[in-house]
Amino acid sequence: QVQLVESGGGLVQAGGSLRLSCAASGRTFSRYPMAWFRQAPGKEREFVAAISRSGGSTTYADSVKGRFTISRDNAKNTQYLQMNSLKPEDTAVYYCAAGRLFSSPTPREYPYWGQGTQVTVSS
């Protein structure tokens, strides 16, 4: 059992930045590949980024490459998503997830989820 809690969401103007955090508790954090997904109202959940157990490998959706950075600090049981140059189309609820396989873009491959944090980007 792993519990995940996101924080850092909010309202920003286009071009601004936000840093999301995901604090984990329960099982050993470092054993899980981690990821971020997002979901806008009426749309399917979308893969954003993933990071390996050690943090040495990352992968990103094409829509966020060059703007978002995923990272993790296993000593603090926390992962992060730094979001720069935000666009209105980035508006969504962002979810932290702990999975089985690194880089999987499929939500069903992640058994543990946070409750989500709202990110709203105004134009």
C-alpha atoms as a PDB file:
ATOM      1  CA  GLN A   1       0.000   0.000   0.000  1.00  0.00           C
ATOM      2  CA  VAL A   2       1.301   3.413  -1.044  1.00  0.00           C
ATOM      3  CA  GLN A   3      -0.342   6.739  -0.346  1.00  0.00           C
ATOM      4  CA  LEU A   4       0.350   9.681  -2.634  1.00  0.00           C
ATOM      5  CA  VAL A   5      -0.531  13.306  -1.990  1.00  0.00           C
ATOM      6  CA  GLU A   6      -0.059  16.023  -4.595  1.00  0.00           C
ATOM      7  CA  SER A   7       0.435  19.695  -3.890  1.00  0.00           C
ATOM      8  CA  GLY A   8       1.482  22.828  -5.712  1.00  0.00           C
ATOM      9  CA  GLY A   9      -1.374  23.305  -8.135  1.00  0.00           C
ATOM     10  CA  GLY A  10      -2.982  26.651  -8.692  1.00  0.00           C
ATOM     11  CA  LEU A  11      -3.920  29.379 -11.116  1.00  0.00           C
ATOM     12  CA  VAL A  12      -1.266  30.952 -13.322  1.00  0.00           C
ATOM     13  CA  GLN A  13      -1.161  33.037 -16.456  1.00  0.00           C
ATOM     14  CA  ALA A  14       0.111  31.662 -19.735  1.00  0.00           C
ATOM     15  CA  GLY A  15       3.887  31.638 -19.758  1.00  0.00           C
ATOM     16  CA  GLY A  16       4.119  31.173 -16.024  1.00  0.00           C
ATOM     17  CA  SER A  17       5.480  28.306 -13.972  1.00  0.00           C
ATOM     18  CA  LEU A  18       4.338  25.897 -11.300  1.00  0.00           C
ATOM     19  CA  ARG A  19       6.101  23.175  -9.380  1.00  0.00           C
ATOM     20  CA  LEU A  20       4.029  20.184  -8.348  1.00  0.00           C
ATOM     21  CA  SER A  21       5.077  17.886  -5.540  1.00  0.00           C
ATOM     22  CA  CYS A  22       3.950  14.368  -4.715  1.00  0.00           C
ATOM     23  CA  ALA A  23       4.668  13.072  -1.238  1.00  0.00           C
ATOM     24  CA  ALA A  24       4.592   9.315  -0.761  1.00  0.00           C
ATOM     25  CA  SER A  25       4.160   7.199   2.325  1.00  0.00           C
ATOM     26  CA  GLY A  26       3.690   3.523   3.090  1.00  0.00           C
ATOM     27  CA  ARG A  27       5.915   1.197   1.085  1.00  0.00           C
ATOM     28  CA  THR A  28       9.451   1.986   0.036  1.00  0.00           C
ATOM     29  CA  PHE A  29       9.253   4.840  -2.431  1.00  0.00           C
ATOM     30  CA  SER A  30      12.368   3.955  -4.378  1.00  0.00           C
ATOM     31  CA  ARG A  31      11.004   0.605  -5.600  1.00  0.00           C
ATOM     32  CA  TYR A  32       8.414   2.271  -7.837  1.00  0.00           C
ATOM     33  CA  PRO A  33       8.716   3.990 -11.156  1.00  0.00           C
ATOM     34  CA  MET A  34       6.713   7.190 -10.905  1.00  0.00           C
ATOM     35  CA  ALA A  35       4.695   9.232 -13.332  1.00  0.00           C
ATOM     36  CA  TRP A  36       2.456  12.225 -13.797  1.00  0.00           C
ATOM     37  CA  PHE A  37      -0.831  12.139 -15.671  1.00  0.00           C
ATOM     38  CA  ARG A  38      -3.389  14.831 -16.301  1.00  0.00           C
ATOM     39  CA  GLN A  39      -7.061  14.923 -17.114  1.00  0.00           C
ATOM     40  CA  ALA A  40      -9.204  17.773 -18.348  1.00  0.00           C
ATOM     41  CA  PRO A  41     -13.004  17.689 -17.935  1.00  0.00           C
ATOM     42  CA  GLY A  42     -14.609  15.446 -20.511  1.00  0.00           C
ATOM     43  CA  LYS A  43     -11.290  14.093 -21.744  1.00  0.00           C
ATOM     44  CA  GLU A  44      -9.372  10.906 -21.145  1.00  0.00           C
ATOM     45  CA  ARG A  45      -6.489  10.738 -18.735  1.00  0.00           C
ATOM     46  CA  GLU A  46      -3.278  11.703 -20.504  1.00  0.00           C
ATOM     47  CA  PHE A  47       0.286  10.641 -19.827  1.00  0.00           C
ATOM     48  CA  VAL A  48       2.623  13.527 -19.027  1.00  0.00           C
ATOM     49  CA  ALA A  49       5.961  12.204 -17.775  1.00  0.00           C
ATOM     50  CA  ALA A  50       7.616   9.233 -16.087  1.00  0.00           C
ATOM     51  CA  ILE A  51      10.773   8.629 -14.116  1.00  0.00           C
ATOM     52  CA  SER A  52      12.668   5.457 -13.280  1.00  0.00           C
ATOM     53  CA  ARG A  53      13.279   4.101  -9.801  1.00  0.00           C
ATOM     54  CA  SER A  54      16.681   5.703  -9.487  1.00  0.00           C
ATOM     55  CA  GLY A  55      15.680   8.889 -11.243  1.00  0.00           C
ATOM     56  CA  GLY A  56      18.286   8.292 -13.902  1.00  0.00           C
ATOM     57  CA  SER A  57      15.855   7.971 -16.802  1.00  0.00           C
ATOM     58  CA  THR A  58      12.887  10.105 -17.762  1.00  0.00           C
ATOM     59  CA  THR A  59      10.387  10.264 -20.567  1.00  0.00           C
ATOM     60  CA  TYR A  60       7.857  12.896 -21.603  1.00  0.00           C
ATOM     61  CA  ALA A  61       4.801  13.316 -23.715  1.00  0.00           C
ATOM     62  CA  ASP A  62       5.547  15.262 -26.870  1.00  0.00           C
ATOM     63  CA  SER A  63       3.189  18.004 -25.750  1.00  0.00           C
ATOM     64  CA  VAL A  64       5.348  18.899 -22.739  1.00  0.00           C
ATOM     65  CA  LYS A  65       8.893  18.193 -23.920  1.00  0.00           C
ATOM     66  CA  GLY A  66      11.191  21.102 -23.296  1.00  0.00           C
ATOM     67  CA  ARG A  67       8.765  22.716 -20.864  1.00  0.00           C
ATOM     68  CA  PHE A  68       8.220  20.192 -18.066  1.00  0.00           C
ATOM     69  CA  THR A  69      10.798  18.385 -15.947  1.00  0.00           C
ATOM     70  CA  ILE A  70      10.082  15.361 -13.785  1.00  0.00           C
ATOM     71  CA  SER A  71      12.391  14.552 -10.896  1.00  0.00           C
ATOM     72  CA  ARG A  72      12.430  12.591  -7.672  1.00  0.00           C
ATOM     73  CA  ASP A  73      14.146  12.664  -4.320  1.00  0.00           C
ATOM     74  CA  ASN A  74      14.031   9.173  -2.885  1.00  0.00           C
ATOM     75  CA  ALA A  75      15.499  10.324   0.426  1.00  0.00           C
ATOM     76  CA  LYS A  76      12.452  12.568   0.855  1.00  0.00           C
ATOM     77  CA  ASN A  77       9.947  10.119  -0.667  1.00  0.00           C
ATOM     78  CA  THR A  78       8.872  12.843  -3.046  1.00  0.00           C
ATOM     79  CA  GLN A  79       8.604  13.367  -6.777  1.00  0.00           C
ATOM     80  CA  TYR A  80       8.214  16.651  -8.591  1.00  0.00           C
ATOM     81  CA  LEU A  81       6.966  18.122 -11.820  1.00  0.00           C
ATOM     82  CA  GLN A  82       8.432  21.476 -12.747  1.00  0.00           C
ATOM     83  CA  MET A  83       6.186  23.122 -15.319  1.00  0.00           C
ATOM     84  CA  ASN A  84       7.467  26.112 -17.255  1.00  0.00           C
ATOM     85  CA  SER A  85       6.060  28.104 -20.155  1.00  0.00           C
ATOM     86  CA  LEU A  86       2.577  26.982 -19.267  1.00  0.00           C
ATOM     87  CA  LYS A  87      -0.155  27.125 -21.872  1.00  0.00           C
ATOM     88  CA  PRO A  88      -3.944  27.196 -21.490  1.00  0.00           C
ATOM     89  CA  GLU A  89      -4.070  23.686 -22.933  1.00  0.00           C
ATOM     90  CA  ASP A  90      -2.089  22.491 -19.913  1.00  0.00           C
ATOM     91  CA  THR A  91      -5.148  23.158 -17.756  1.00  0.00           C
ATOM     92  CA  ALA A  92      -6.163  19.910 -16.071  1.00  0.00           C
ATOM     93  CA  VAL A  93      -6.159  17.965 -12.863  1.00  0.00           C
ATOM     94  CA  TYR A  94      -2.673  16.545 -12.452  1.00  0.00           C
ATOM     95  CA  TYR A  95      -2.233  13.138 -10.849  1.00  0.00           C
ATOM     96  CA  CYS A  96       0.797  11.530  -9.308  1.00  0.00           C
ATOM     97  CA  ALA A  97       1.085   7.782  -9.887  1.00  0.00           C
ATOM     98  CA  ALA A  98       3.314   4.920  -8.789  1.00  0.00           C
ATOM     99  CA  GLY A  99       3.605   2.084 -11.268  1.00  0.00           C
ATOM    100  CA  ARG A 100       5.126  -1.208 -12.252  1.00  0.00           C
ATOM    101  CA  LEU A 101       7.023  -0.399 -15.439  1.00  0.00           C
ATOM    102  CA  PHE A 102       9.034   2.675 -16.189  1.00  0.00           C
ATOM    103  CA  SER A 103       7.753   4.863 -19.015  1.00  0.00           C
ATOM    104  CA  SER A 104       4.386   3.153 -19.402  1.00  0.00           C
ATOM    105  CA  PRO A 105       1.871   5.680 -20.750  1.00  0.00           C
ATOM    106  CA  THR A 106      -1.120   3.566 -19.745  1.00  0.00           C
ATOM    107  CA  PRO A 107      -3.009   4.541 -16.572  1.00  0.00           C
ATOM    108  CA  ARG A 108      -3.947   0.923 -15.848  1.00  0.00           C
ATOM    109  CA  GLU A 109      -0.266   0.096 -15.336  1.00  0.00           C
ATOM    110  CA  TYR A 110      -0.199   2.318 -12.256  1.00  0.00           C
ATOM    111  CA  PRO A 111      -1.873   0.811  -9.185  1.00  0.00           C
ATOM    112  CA  TYR A 112      -1.347   3.793  -6.885  1.00  0.00           C
ATOM    113  CA  TRP A 113      -2.699   7.295  -7.430  1.00  0.00           C
ATOM    114  CA  GLY A 114      -2.948  10.568  -5.634  1.00  0.00           C
ATOM    115  CA  GLN A 115      -6.186  12.540  -5.482  1.00  0.00           C
ATOM    116  CA  GLY A 116      -4.986  15.112  -7.977  1.00  0.00           C
ATOM    117  CA  THR A 117      -4.227  18.814  -7.917  1.00  0.00           C
ATOM    118  CA  GLN A 118      -5.841  21.396 -10.164  1.00  0.00           C
ATOM    119  CA  VAL A 119      -3.692  23.399 -12.547  1.00  0.00           C
ATOM    120  CA  THR A 120      -5.414  26.237 -14.356  1.00  0.00           C
ATOM    121  CA  VAL A 121      -3.615  28.348 -16.935  1.00  0.00           C
ATOM    122  CA  SER A 122      -5.354  31.517 -18.046  1.00  0.00           C
ATOM    123  CA  SER A 123      -4.804  33.199 -21.391  1.00  0.00           C
END
